[in-house]
């Protein structure tokens, strides 16, 4: 083998090594891009979830306040109903008392 052929063979081997190195270095670049894309997707999903969470928290607060107002209203109505029932009871007793008095006078 001549010196020229040996140098050509070494050069071909070196080219093959460089090609394999460039391929191996290009893969991490692709994976880095893939990881960046996934990171961006996850960040977008996180923002979306945080936005939904804020909306749910606002809705929860609104519903909680509405329930409190309804509870106050129910308590007021219950109190009014109790007073009304008490007044009916009082009137009933008065009526019985009056009927009893009328009966006494008629006898």
PDB file of N, CA and C in Angstrom:
ATOM      1  N   UNK A   1       0.839  -1.156   0.000  1.00  0.00           N
ATOM      2  CA  UNK A   1       0.000   0.000   0.000  1.00  0.00           C
ATOM      3  C   UNK A   1       0.894   1.232   0.000  1.00  0.00           C
ATOM      4  N   UNK A   2       0.566   2.107  -0.902  1.00  0.00           N
ATOM      5  CA  UNK A   2       1.396   3.296  -1.017  1.00  0.00           C
ATOM      6  C   UNK A   2       1.006   4.292   0.058  1.00  0.00           C
ATOM      7  N   UNK A   3       1.858   5.214   0.249  1.00  0.00           N
ATOM      8  CA  UNK A   3       1.655   6.266   1.222  1.00  0.00           C
ATOM      9  C   UNK A   3       0.387   7.060   0.885  1.00  0.00           C
ATOM     10  N   UNK A   4       0.181   7.267  -0.374  1.00  0.00           N
ATOM     11  CA  UNK A   4      -0.994   7.991  -0.843  1.00  0.00           C
ATOM     12  C   UNK A   4      -2.268   7.227  -0.497  1.00  0.00           C
ATOM     13  N   UNK A   5      -2.307   5.930  -0.728  1.00  0.00           N
ATOM     14  CA  UNK A   5      -3.469   5.100  -0.428  1.00  0.00           C
ATOM     15  C   UNK A   5      -3.730   5.048   1.082  1.00  0.00           C
ATOM     16  N   UNK A   6      -2.630   4.992   1.836  1.00  0.00           N
ATOM     17  CA  UNK A   6      -2.760   4.967   3.284  1.00  0.00           C
ATOM     18  C   UNK A   6      -3.366   6.273   3.780  1.00  0.00           C
ATOM     19  N   UNK A   7      -2.910   7.396   3.230  1.00  0.00           N
ATOM     20  CA  UNK A   7      -3.449   8.692   3.608  1.00  0.00           C
ATOM     21  C   UNK A   7      -4.914   8.802   3.182  1.00  0.00           C
ATOM     22  N   UNK A   8      -5.268   8.293   2.023  1.00  0.00           N
ATOM     23  CA  UNK A   8      -6.650   8.320   1.542  1.00  0.00           C
ATOM     24  C   UNK A   8      -7.542   7.489   2.465  1.00  0.00           C
ATOM     25  N   UNK A   9      -7.036   6.333   2.870  1.00  0.00           N
ATOM     26  CA  UNK A   9      -7.794   5.468   3.761  1.00  0.00           C
ATOM     27  C   UNK A   9      -7.986   6.151   5.117  1.00  0.00           C
ATOM     28  N   UNK A  10      -6.924   6.751   5.653  1.00  0.00           N
ATOM     29  CA  UNK A  10      -7.018   7.478   6.919  1.00  0.00           C
ATOM     30  C   UNK A  10      -8.000   8.651   6.802  1.00  0.00           C
ATOM     31  N   UNK A  11      -7.944   9.326   5.656  1.00  0.00           N
ATOM     32  CA  UNK A  11      -8.854  10.444   5.426  1.00  0.00           C
ATOM     33  C   UNK A  11     -10.295   9.955   5.376  1.00  0.00           C
ATOM     34  N   UNK A  12     -10.543   8.842   4.701  1.00  0.00           N
ATOM     35  CA  UNK A  12     -11.894   8.274   4.653  1.00  0.00           C
ATOM     36  C   UNK A  12     -12.383   7.873   6.040  1.00  0.00           C
ATOM     37  N   UNK A  13     -11.489   7.294   6.833  1.00  0.00           N
ATOM     38  CA  UNK A  13     -11.854   6.909   8.192  1.00  0.00           C
ATOM     39  C   UNK A  13     -12.185   8.151   9.028  1.00  0.00           C
ATOM     40  N   UNK A  14     -11.371   9.178   8.837  1.00  0.00           N
ATOM     41  CA  UNK A  14     -11.608  10.423   9.555  1.00  0.00           C
ATOM     42  C   UNK A  14     -12.944  11.043   9.146  1.00  0.00           C
ATOM     43  N   UNK A  15     -13.269  10.998   7.869  1.00  0.00           N
ATOM     44  CA  UNK A  15     -14.549  11.524   7.375  1.00  0.00           C
ATOM     45  C   UNK A  15     -15.706  10.723   7.977  1.00  0.00           C
ATOM     46  N   UNK A  16     -15.552   9.402   8.008  1.00  0.00           N
ATOM     47  CA  UNK A  16     -16.592   8.556   8.609  1.00  0.00           C
ATOM     48  C   UNK A  16     -16.791   8.901  10.090  1.00  0.00           C
ATOM     49  N   UNK A  17     -15.670   9.103  10.796  1.00  0.00           N
ATOM     50  CA  UNK A  17     -15.757   9.457  12.217  1.00  0.00           C
ATOM     51  C   UNK A  17     -16.442  10.808  12.397  1.00  0.00           C
ATOM     52  N   UNK A  18     -16.078  11.759  11.533  1.00  0.00           N
ATOM     53  CA  UNK A  18     -16.705  13.082  11.611  1.00  0.00           C
ATOM     54  C   UNK A  18     -18.202  13.001  11.318  1.00  0.00           C
ATOM     55  N   UNK A  19     -18.566  12.192  10.343  1.00  0.00           N
ATOM     56  CA  UNK A  19     -19.990  12.016  10.030  1.00  0.00           C
ATOM     57  C   UNK A  19     -20.741  11.409  11.209  1.00  0.00           C
ATOM     58  N   UNK A  20     -20.164  10.387  11.817  1.00  0.00           N
ATOM     59  CA  UNK A  20     -20.831   9.763  12.963  1.00  0.00           C
ATOM     60  C   UNK A  20     -20.891  10.724  14.142  1.00  0.00           C
ATOM     61  N   UNK A  21     -19.869  11.563  14.329  1.00  0.00           N
ATOM     62  CA  UNK A  21     -19.876  12.546  15.407  1.00  0.00           C
ATOM     63  C   UNK A  21     -20.932  13.608  15.155  1.00  0.00           C
ATOM     64  N   UNK A  22     -21.044  14.070  13.927  1.00  0.00           N
ATOM     65  CA  UNK A  22     -22.020  15.110  13.631  1.00  0.00           C
ATOM     66  C   UNK A  22     -23.436  14.563  13.796  1.00  0.00           C
ATOM     67  N   UNK A  23     -23.640  13.285  13.462  1.00  0.00           N
ATOM     68  CA  UNK A  23     -24.948  12.669  13.677  1.00  0.00           C
ATOM     69  C   UNK A  23     -25.247  12.555  15.168  1.00  0.00           C
ATOM     70  N   UNK A  24     -24.259  12.162  15.942  1.00  0.00           N
ATOM     71  CA  UNK A  24     -24.480  12.007  17.371  1.00  0.00           C
ATOM     72  C   UNK A  24     -24.719  13.367  18.029  1.00  0.00           C
ATOM     73  N   UNK A  25     -24.116  14.405  17.530  1.00  0.00           N
ATOM     74  CA  UNK A  25     -24.348  15.743  18.092  1.00  0.00           C
ATOM     75  C   UNK A  25     -25.660  16.339  17.613  1.00  0.00           C
ATOM     76  N   UNK A  26     -26.131  15.935  16.468  1.00  0.00           N
ATOM     77  CA  UNK A  26     -27.393  16.484  15.980  1.00  0.00           C
ATOM     78  C   UNK A  26     -28.580  15.883  16.726  1.00  0.00           C
ATOM     79  N   UNK A  27     -28.448  14.671  17.207  1.00  0.00           N
ATOM     80  CA  UNK A  27     -29.540  14.060  17.949  1.00  0.00           C
ATOM     81  C   UNK A  27     -29.833  14.806  19.249  1.00  0.00           C
ATOM     82  N   UNK A  28     -28.838  15.131  20.052  1.00  0.00           N
ATOM     83  CA  UNK A  28     -29.158  15.904  21.249  1.00  0.00           C
ATOM     84  C   UNK A  28     -29.807  17.242  20.909  1.00  0.00           C
ATOM     85  N   UNK A  29     -29.404  17.845  19.803  1.00  0.00           N
ATOM     86  CA  UNK A  29     -30.028  19.100  19.403  1.00  0.00           C
ATOM     87  C   UNK A  29     -31.510  18.882  19.133  1.00  0.00           C
ATOM     88  N   UNK A  30     -31.816  17.782  18.459  1.00  0.00           N
ATOM     89  CA  UNK A  30     -33.213  17.449  18.192  1.00  0.00           C
ATOM     90  C   UNK A  30     -33.937  17.191  19.511  1.00  0.00           C
ATOM     91  N   UNK A  31     -33.296  16.449  20.397  1.00  0.00           N
ATOM     92  CA  UNK A  31     -33.916  16.148  21.682  1.00  0.00           C
ATOM     93  C   UNK A  31     -34.085  17.403  22.523  1.00  0.00           C
ATOM     94  N   UNK A  32     -33.121  18.309  22.421  1.00  0.00           N
ATOM     95  CA  UNK A  32     -33.238  19.577  23.142  1.00  0.00           C
ATOM     96  C   UNK A  32     -34.457  20.343  22.634  1.00  0.00           C
ATOM     97  N   UNK A  33     -34.639  20.373  21.322  1.00  0.00           N
ATOM     98  CA  UNK A  33     -35.806  21.046  20.751  1.00  0.00           C
ATOM     99  C   UNK A  33     -37.092  20.359  21.197  1.00  0.00           C
ATOM    100  N   UNK A  34     -37.056  19.042  21.233  1.00  0.00           N
ATOM    101  CA  UNK A  34     -38.224  18.278  21.670  1.00  0.00           C
ATOM    102  C   UNK A  34     -38.536  18.604  23.135  1.00  0.00           C
ATOM    103  N   UNK A  35     -37.499  18.663  23.953  1.00  0.00           N
ATOM    104  CA  UNK A  35     -37.674  18.977  25.369  1.00  0.00           C
ATOM    105  C   UNK A  35     -38.205  20.403  25.524  1.00  0.00           C
ATOM    106  N   UNK A  36     -37.679  21.342  24.737  1.00  0.00           N
ATOM    107  CA  UNK A  36     -38.167  22.724  24.794  1.00  0.00           C
ATOM    108  C   UNK A  36     -39.636  22.794  24.399  1.00  0.00           C
ATOM    109  N   UNK A  37     -39.991  22.045  23.370  1.00  0.00           N
ATOM    110  CA  UNK A  37     -41.389  22.020  22.925  1.00  0.00           C
ATOM    111  C   UNK A  37     -42.288  21.466  24.019  1.00  0.00           C
ATOM    112  N   UNK A  38     -41.859  20.362  24.638  1.00  0.00           N
ATOM    113  CA  UNK A  38     -42.635  19.780  25.722  1.00  0.00           C
ATOM    114  C   UNK A  38     -42.737  20.745  26.907  1.00  0.00           C
ATOM    115  N   UNK A  39     -41.634  21.435  27.192  1.00  0.00           N
ATOM    116  CA  UNK A  39     -41.625  22.410  28.283  1.00  0.00           C
ATOM    117  C   UNK A  39     -42.630  23.515  27.998  1.00  0.00           C
ATOM    118  N   UNK A  40     -42.649  24.016  26.768  1.00  0.00           N
ATOM    119  CA  UNK A  40     -43.587  25.074  26.397  1.00  0.00           C
ATOM    120  C   UNK A  40     -45.027  24.584  26.488  1.00  0.00           C
ATOM    121  N   UNK A  41     -45.246  23.340  26.053  1.00  0.00           N
ATOM    122  CA  UNK A  41     -46.593  22.767  26.138  1.00  0.00           C
ATOM    123  C   UNK A  41     -47.034  22.653  27.592  1.00  0.00           C
ATOM    124  N   UNK A  42     -46.116  22.195  28.452  1.00  0.00           N
ATOM    125  CA  UNK A  42     -46.440  22.069  29.871  1.00  0.00           C
ATOM    126  C   UNK A  42     -46.691  23.442  30.503  1.00  0.00           C
ATOM    127  N   UNK A  43     -45.896  24.442  30.109  1.00  0.00           N
ATOM    128  CA  UNK A  43     -46.091  25.789  30.637  1.00  0.00           C
ATOM    129  C   UNK A  43     -47.447  26.339  30.211  1.00  0.00           C
ATOM    130  N   UNK A  44     -47.824  26.088  28.945  1.00  0.00           N
ATOM    131  CA  UNK A  44     -49.135  26.534  28.465  1.00  0.00           C
ATOM    132  C   UNK A  44     -50.256  25.830  29.221  1.00  0.00           C
ATOM    133  N   UNK A  45     -50.098  24.537  29.436  1.00  0.00           N
ATOM    134  CA  UNK A  45     -51.101  23.763  30.167  1.00  0.00           C
ATOM    135  C   UNK A  45     -51.206  24.276  31.603  1.00  0.00           C
ATOM    136  N   UNK A  46     -50.060  24.595  32.206  1.00  0.00           N
ATOM    137  CA  UNK A  46     -50.055  25.120  33.572  1.00  0.00           C
ATOM    138  C   UNK A  46     -50.818  26.445  33.634  1.00  0.00           C
ATOM    139  N   UNK A  47     -50.554  27.348  32.682  1.00  0.00           N
ATOM    140  CA  UNK A  47     -51.262  28.631  32.657  1.00  0.00           C
ATOM    141  C   UNK A  47     -52.771  28.410  32.483  1.00  0.00           C
ATOM    142  N   UNK A  48     -53.113  27.465  31.629  1.00  0.00           N
ATOM    143  CA  UNK A  48     -54.516  27.153  31.385  1.00  0.00           C
ATOM    144  C   UNK A  48     -55.182  26.644  32.666  1.00  0.00           C
ATOM    145  N   UNK A  49     -54.503  25.740  33.358  1.00  0.00           N
ATOM    146  CA  UNK A  49     -55.041  25.177  34.596  1.00  0.00           C
ATOM    147  C   UNK A  49     -55.144  26.256  35.669  1.00  0.00           C
ATOM    148  N   UNK A  50     -54.135  27.128  35.762  1.00  0.00           N
ATOM    149  CA  UNK A  50     -54.173  28.212  36.738  1.00  0.00           C
ATOM    150  C   UNK A  50     -55.340  29.158  36.448  1.00  0.00           C
ATOM    151  N   UNK A  51     -55.580  29.426  35.172  1.00  0.00           N
ATOM    152  CA  UNK A  51     -56.703  30.292  34.786  1.00  0.00           C
ATOM    153  C   UNK A  51     -58.024  29.633  35.176  1.00  0.00           C
ATOM    154  N   UNK A  52     -58.155  28.332  34.899  1.00  0.00           N
ATOM    155  CA  UNK A  52     -59.366  27.609  35.276  1.00  0.00           C
ATOM    156  C   UNK A  52     -59.540  27.603  36.788  1.00  0.00           C
ATOM    157  N   UNK A  53     -58.437  27.441  37.505  1.00  0.00           N
ATOM    158  CA  UNK A  53     -58.483  27.446  38.964  1.00  0.00           C
ATOM    159  C   UNK A  53     -58.974  28.795  39.483  1.00  0.00           C
ATOM    160  N   UNK A  54     -58.475  29.895  38.908  1.00  0.00           N
ATOM    161  CA  UNK A  54     -58.917  31.219  39.324  1.00  0.00           C
ATOM    162  C   UNK A  54     -60.407  31.405  39.051  1.00  0.00           C
ATOM    163  N   UNK A  55     -60.870  30.930  37.898  1.00  0.00           N
ATOM    164  CA  UNK A  55     -62.295  31.026  37.579  1.00  0.00           C
ATOM    165  C   UNK A  55     -63.124  30.221  38.570  1.00  0.00           C
ATOM    166  N   UNK A  56     -62.648  29.024  38.896  1.00  0.00           N
ATOM    167  CA  UNK A  56     -63.359  28.200  39.869  1.00  0.00           C
ATOM    168  C   UNK A  56     -63.367  28.845  41.254  1.00  0.00           C
ATOM    169  N   UNK A  57     -62.268  29.466  41.626  1.00  0.00           N
ATOM    170  CA  UNK A  57     -62.200  30.136  42.927  1.00  0.00           C
ATOM    171  C   UNK A  57     -63.183  31.310  42.974  1.00  0.00           C
ATOM    172  N   UNK A  58     -63.254  32.088  41.876  1.00  0.00           N
ATOM    173  CA  UNK A  58     -64.220  33.193  41.822  1.00  0.00           C
ATOM    174  C   UNK A  58     -65.650  32.662  41.916  1.00  0.00           C
ATOM    175  N   UNK A  59     -65.926  31.597  41.177  1.00  0.00           N
ATOM    176  CA  UNK A  59     -67.259  31.004  41.206  1.00  0.00           C
ATOM    177  C   UNK A  59     -67.574  30.458  42.596  1.00  0.00           C
ATOM    178  N   UNK A  60     -66.588  29.830  43.236  1.00  0.00           N
ATOM    179  CA  UNK A  60     -66.771  29.310  44.590  1.00  0.00           C
ATOM    180  C   UNK A  60     -67.112  30.440  45.557  1.00  0.00           C
ATOM    181  N   UNK A  61     -66.370  31.541  45.455  1.00  0.00           N
ATOM    182  CA  UNK A  61     -66.616  32.687  46.332  1.00  0.00           C
ATOM    183  C   UNK A  61     -68.018  33.239  46.109  1.00  0.00           C
ATOM    184  N   UNK A  62     -68.403  33.376  44.829  1.00  0.00           N
ATOM    185  CA  UNK A  62     -69.735  33.885  44.502  1.00  0.00           C
ATOM    186  C   UNK A  62     -70.815  32.973  45.075  1.00  0.00           C
ATOM    187  N   UNK A  63     -70.662  31.660  44.866  1.00  0.00           N
ATOM    188  CA  UNK A  63     -71.660  30.714  45.348  1.00  0.00           C
ATOM    189  C   UNK A  63     -71.710  30.680  46.881  1.00  0.00           C
ATOM    190  N   UNK A  64     -70.555  30.809  47.505  1.00  0.00           N
ATOM    191  CA  UNK A  64     -70.504  30.810  48.969  1.00  0.00           C
ATOM    192  C   UNK A  64     -71.258  32.025  49.512  1.00  0.00           C
ATOM    193  N   UNK A  65     -71.034  33.195  48.902  1.00  0.00           N
ATOM    194  CA  UNK A  65     -71.750  34.405  49.327  1.00  0.00           C
ATOM    195  C   UNK A  65     -73.249  34.271  49.078  1.00  0.00           C
ATOM    196  N   UNK A  66     -73.604  33.674  47.953  1.00  0.00           N
ATOM    197  CA  UNK A  66     -75.015  33.478  47.641  1.00  0.00           C
ATOM    198  C   UNK A  66     -75.668  32.543  48.655  1.00  0.00           C
ATOM    199  N   UNK A  67     -74.962  31.480  49.028  1.00  0.00           N
ATOM    200  CA  UNK A  67     -75.490  30.547  50.034  1.00  0.00           C
ATOM    201  C   UNK A  67     -75.676  31.261  51.368  1.00  0.00           C
ATOM    202  N   UNK A  68     -74.725  32.106  51.739  1.00  0.00           N
ATOM    203  CA  UNK A  68     -74.843  32.845  53.000  1.00  0.00           C
ATOM    204  C   UNK A  68     -76.064  33.764  52.973  1.00  0.00           C
ATOM    205  N   UNK A  69     -76.272  34.452  51.843  1.00  0.00           N
ATOM    206  CA  UNK A  69     -77.442  35.334  51.720  1.00  0.00           C
ATOM    207  C   UNK A  69     -78.735  34.531  51.800  1.00  0.00           C
ATOM    208  N   UNK A  70     -78.752  33.377  51.121  1.00  0.00           N
ATOM    209  CA  UNK A  70     -79.946  32.531  51.172  1.00  0.00           C
ATOM    210  C   UNK A  70     -80.194  32.001  52.576  1.00  0.00           C
ATOM    211  N   UNK A  71     -79.124  31.668  53.283  1.00  0.00           N
ATOM    212  CA  UNK A  71     -79.269  31.180  54.654  1.00  0.00           C
ATOM    213  C   UNK A  71     -79.855  32.274  55.548  1.00  0.00           C
ATOM    214  N   UNK A  72     -79.384  33.494  55.375  1.00  0.00           N
ATOM    215  CA  UNK A  72     -79.930  34.619  56.147  1.00  0.00           C
ATOM    216  C   UNK A  72     -81.412  34.798  55.828  1.00  0.00           C
ATOM    217  N   UNK A  73     -81.746  34.710  54.548  1.00  0.00           N
ATOM    218  CA  UNK A  73     -83.139  34.855  54.128  1.00  0.00           C
ATOM    219  C   UNK A  73     -84.004  33.732  54.710  1.00  0.00           C
ATOM    220  N   UNK A  74     -83.493  32.504  54.689  1.00  0.00           N
ATOM    221  CA  UNK A  74     -84.229  31.376  55.265  1.00  0.00           C
ATOM    222  C   UNK A  74     -84.434  31.592  56.761  1.00  0.00           C
ATOM    223  N   UNK A  75     -83.406  32.072  57.444  1.00  0.00           N
ATOM    224  CA  UNK A  75     -83.517  32.328  58.882  1.00  0.00           C
ATOM    225  C   UNK A  75     -84.575  33.392  59.168  1.00  0.00           C
ATOM    226  N   UNK A  76     -84.590  34.444  58.360  1.00  0.00           N
ATOM    227  CA  UNK A  76     -85.590  35.503  58.533  1.00  0.00           C
ATOM    228  C   UNK A  76     -86.992  34.957  58.310  1.00  0.00           C
ATOM    229  N   UNK A  77     -87.161  34.171  57.250  1.00  0.00           N
ATOM    230  CA  UNK A  77     -88.476  33.602  56.960  1.00  0.00           C
ATOM    231  C   UNK A  77     -88.903  32.632  58.050  1.00  0.00           C
ATOM    232  N   UNK A  78     -87.965  31.883  58.554  1.00  0.00           N
ATOM    233  CA  UNK A  78     -88.269  30.955  59.632  1.00  0.00           C
ATOM    234  C   UNK A  78     -88.708  31.718  60.883  1.00  0.00           C
ATOM    235  N   UNK A  79     -88.039  32.810  61.162  1.00  0.00           N
ATOM    236  CA  UNK A  79     -88.400  33.645  62.300  1.00  0.00           C
ATOM    237  C   UNK A  79     -89.795  34.243  62.113  1.00  0.00           C
ATOM    238  N   UNK A  80     -90.062  34.709  60.894  1.00  0.00           N
ATOM    239  CA  UNK A  80     -91.393  35.254  60.602  1.00  0.00           C
ATOM    240  C   UNK A  80     -92.472  34.175  60.744  1.00  0.00           C
ATOM    241  N   UNK A  81     -92.161  32.989  60.271  1.00  0.00           N
ATOM    242  CA  UNK A  81     -93.103  31.883  60.377  1.00  0.00           C
ATOM    243  C   UNK A  81     -93.373  31.549  61.846  1.00  0.00           C
ATOM    244  N   UNK A  82     -92.330  31.561  62.658  1.00  0.00           N
ATOM    245  CA  UNK A  82     -92.492  31.281  64.089  1.00  0.00           C
ATOM    246  C   UNK A  82     -93.365  32.343  64.748  1.00  0.00           C
ATOM    247  N   UNK A  83     -93.108  33.590  64.411  1.00  0.00           N
ATOM    248  CA  UNK A  83     -93.928  34.677  64.963  1.00  0.00           C
ATOM    249  C   UNK A  83     -95.382  34.544  64.517  1.00  0.00           C
ATOM    250  N   UNK A  84     -95.557  34.231  63.237  1.00  0.00           N
ATOM    251  CA  UNK A  84     -96.900  34.065  62.691  1.00  0.00           C
ATOM    252  C   UNK A  84     -97.631  32.932  63.406  1.00  0.00           C
ATOM    253  N   UNK A  85     -96.938  31.803  63.594  1.00  0.00           N
ATOM    254  CA  UNK A  85     -97.546  30.667  64.303  1.00  0.00           C
ATOM    255  C   UNK A  85     -97.888  31.031  65.745  1.00  0.00           C
ATOM    256  N   UNK A  86     -97.021  31.805  66.365  1.00  0.00           N
ATOM    257  CA  UNK A  86     -97.269  32.239  67.747  1.00  0.00           C
ATOM    258  C   UNK A  86     -98.490  33.161  67.796  1.00  0.00           C
ATOM    259  N   UNK A  87     -98.607  34.050  66.848  1.00  0.00           N
ATOM    260  CA  UNK A  87     -99.757  34.949  66.804  1.00  0.00           C
ATOM    261  C   UNK A  87    -101.048  34.164  66.559  1.00  0.00           C
ATOM    262  N   UNK A  88    -100.978  33.156  65.704  1.00  0.00           N
ATOM    263  CA  UNK A  88    -102.146  32.313  65.462  1.00  0.00           C
ATOM    264  C   UNK A  88    -102.541  31.593  66.747  1.00  0.00           C
ATOM    265  N   UNK A  89    -101.539  31.089  67.436  1.00  0.00           N
ATOM    266  CA  UNK A  89    -101.790  30.403  68.705  1.00  0.00           C
ATOM    267  C   UNK A  89    -102.409  31.360  69.720  1.00  0.00           C
ATOM    268  N   UNK A  90    -101.865  32.567  69.799  1.00  0.00           N
ATOM    269  CA  UNK A  90    -102.409  33.583  70.716  1.00  0.00           C
ATOM    270  C   UNK A  90    -103.864  33.906  70.355  1.00  0.00           C
ATOM    271  N   UNK A  91    -104.114  34.096  69.069  1.00  0.00           N
ATOM    272  CA  UNK A  91    -105.476  34.398  68.628  1.00  0.00           C
ATOM    273  C   UNK A  91    -106.417  33.226  68.914  1.00  0.00           C
ATOM    274  N   UNK A  92    -105.930  32.065  68.727  1.00  0.00           N
ATOM    275  CA  UNK A  92    -106.744  30.881  69.013  1.00  0.00           C
ATOM    276  C   UNK A  92    -107.115  30.829  70.486  1.00  0.00           C
ATOM    277  N   UNK A  93    -106.155  31.095  71.337  1.00  0.00           N
ATOM    278  CA  UNK A  93    -106.421  31.098  72.784  1.00  0.00           C
ATOM    279  C   UNK A  93    -107.410  32.205  73.150  1.00  0.00           C
ATOM    280  N   UNK A  94    -107.235  33.366  72.551  1.00  0.00           N
ATOM    281  CA  UNK A  94    -108.161  34.477  72.808  1.00  0.00           C
ATOM    282  C   UNK A  94    -109.565  34.115  72.349  1.00  0.00           C
ATOM    283  N   UNK A  95    -109.619  33.483  71.182  1.00  0.00           N
ATOM    284  CA  UNK A  95    -110.928  33.080  70.658  1.00  0.00           C
ATOM    285  C   UNK A  95    -111.587  32.084  71.592  1.00  0.00           C
ATOM    286  N   UNK A  96    -110.832  31.120  72.060  1.00  0.00           N
ATOM    287  CA  UNK A  96    -111.373  30.151  73.007  1.00  0.00           C
ATOM    288  C   UNK A  96    -111.840  30.842  74.288  1.00  0.00           C
ATOM    289  N   UNK A  97    -111.049  31.780  74.713  1.00  0.00           N
ATOM    290  CA  UNK A  97    -111.398  32.526  75.920  1.00  0.00           C
ATOM    291  C   UNK A  97    -112.694  33.317  75.702  1.00  0.00           C
ATOM    292  N   UNK A  98    -112.817  33.952  74.578  1.00  0.00           N
ATOM    293  CA  UNK A  98    -114.022  34.725  74.260  1.00  0.00           C
ATOM    294  C   UNK A  98    -115.242  33.809  74.138  1.00  0.00           C
ATOM    295  N   UNK A  99    -115.058  32.688  73.486  1.00  0.00           N
ATOM    296  CA  UNK A  99    -116.157  31.724  73.353  1.00  0.00           C
ATOM    297  C   UNK A  99    -116.587  31.252  74.737  1.00  0.00           C
ATOM    298  N   UNK A 100    -115.626  31.017  75.570  1.00  0.00           N
ATOM    299  CA  UNK A 100    -115.914  30.580  76.936  1.00  0.00           C
ATOM    300  C   UNK A 100    -116.686  31.673  77.689  1.00  0.00           C
ATOM    301  N   UNK A 101    -116.306  32.915  77.555  1.00  0.00           N
ATOM    302  CA  UNK A 101    -116.992  34.042  78.181  1.00  0.00           C
ATOM    303  C   UNK A 101    -118.412  34.167  77.646  1.00  0.00           C
ATOM    304  N   UNK A 102    -118.553  34.002  76.350  1.00  0.00           N
ATOM    305  CA  UNK A 102    -119.873  34.098  75.732  1.00  0.00           C
ATOM    306  C   UNK A 102    -120.775  32.991  76.276  1.00  0.00           C
ATOM    307  N   UNK A 103    -120.216  31.809  76.415  1.00  0.00           N
ATOM    308  CA  UNK A 103    -120.964  30.685  76.944  1.00  0.00           C
ATOM    309  C   UNK A 103    -121.422  30.971  78.389  1.00  0.00           C
ATOM    310  N   UNK A 104    -120.550  31.589  79.154  1.00  0.00           N
ATOM    311  CA  UNK A 104    -120.884  31.923  80.542  1.00  0.00           C
ATOM    312  C   UNK A 104    -122.059  32.912  80.592  1.00  0.00           C
ATOM    313  N   UNK A 105    -122.022  33.891  79.704  1.00  0.00           N
ATOM    314  CA  UNK A 105    -123.054  34.918  79.702  1.00  0.00           C
ATOM    315  C   UNK A 105    -124.392  34.364  79.201  1.00  0.00           C
ATOM    316  N   UNK A 106    -124.304  33.399  78.338  1.00  0.00           N
ATOM    317  CA  UNK A 106    -125.534  32.830  77.793  1.00  0.00           C
ATOM    318  C   UNK A 106    -126.192  31.905  78.810  1.00  0.00           C
ATOM    319  N   UNK A 107    -125.521  31.387  79.718  1.00  0.00           N
ATOM    320  CA  UNK A 107    -126.095  30.465  80.698  1.00  0.00           C
ATOM    321  C   UNK A 107    -126.709  31.178  81.806  1.00  0.00           C
TER     322      UNK A 107
END
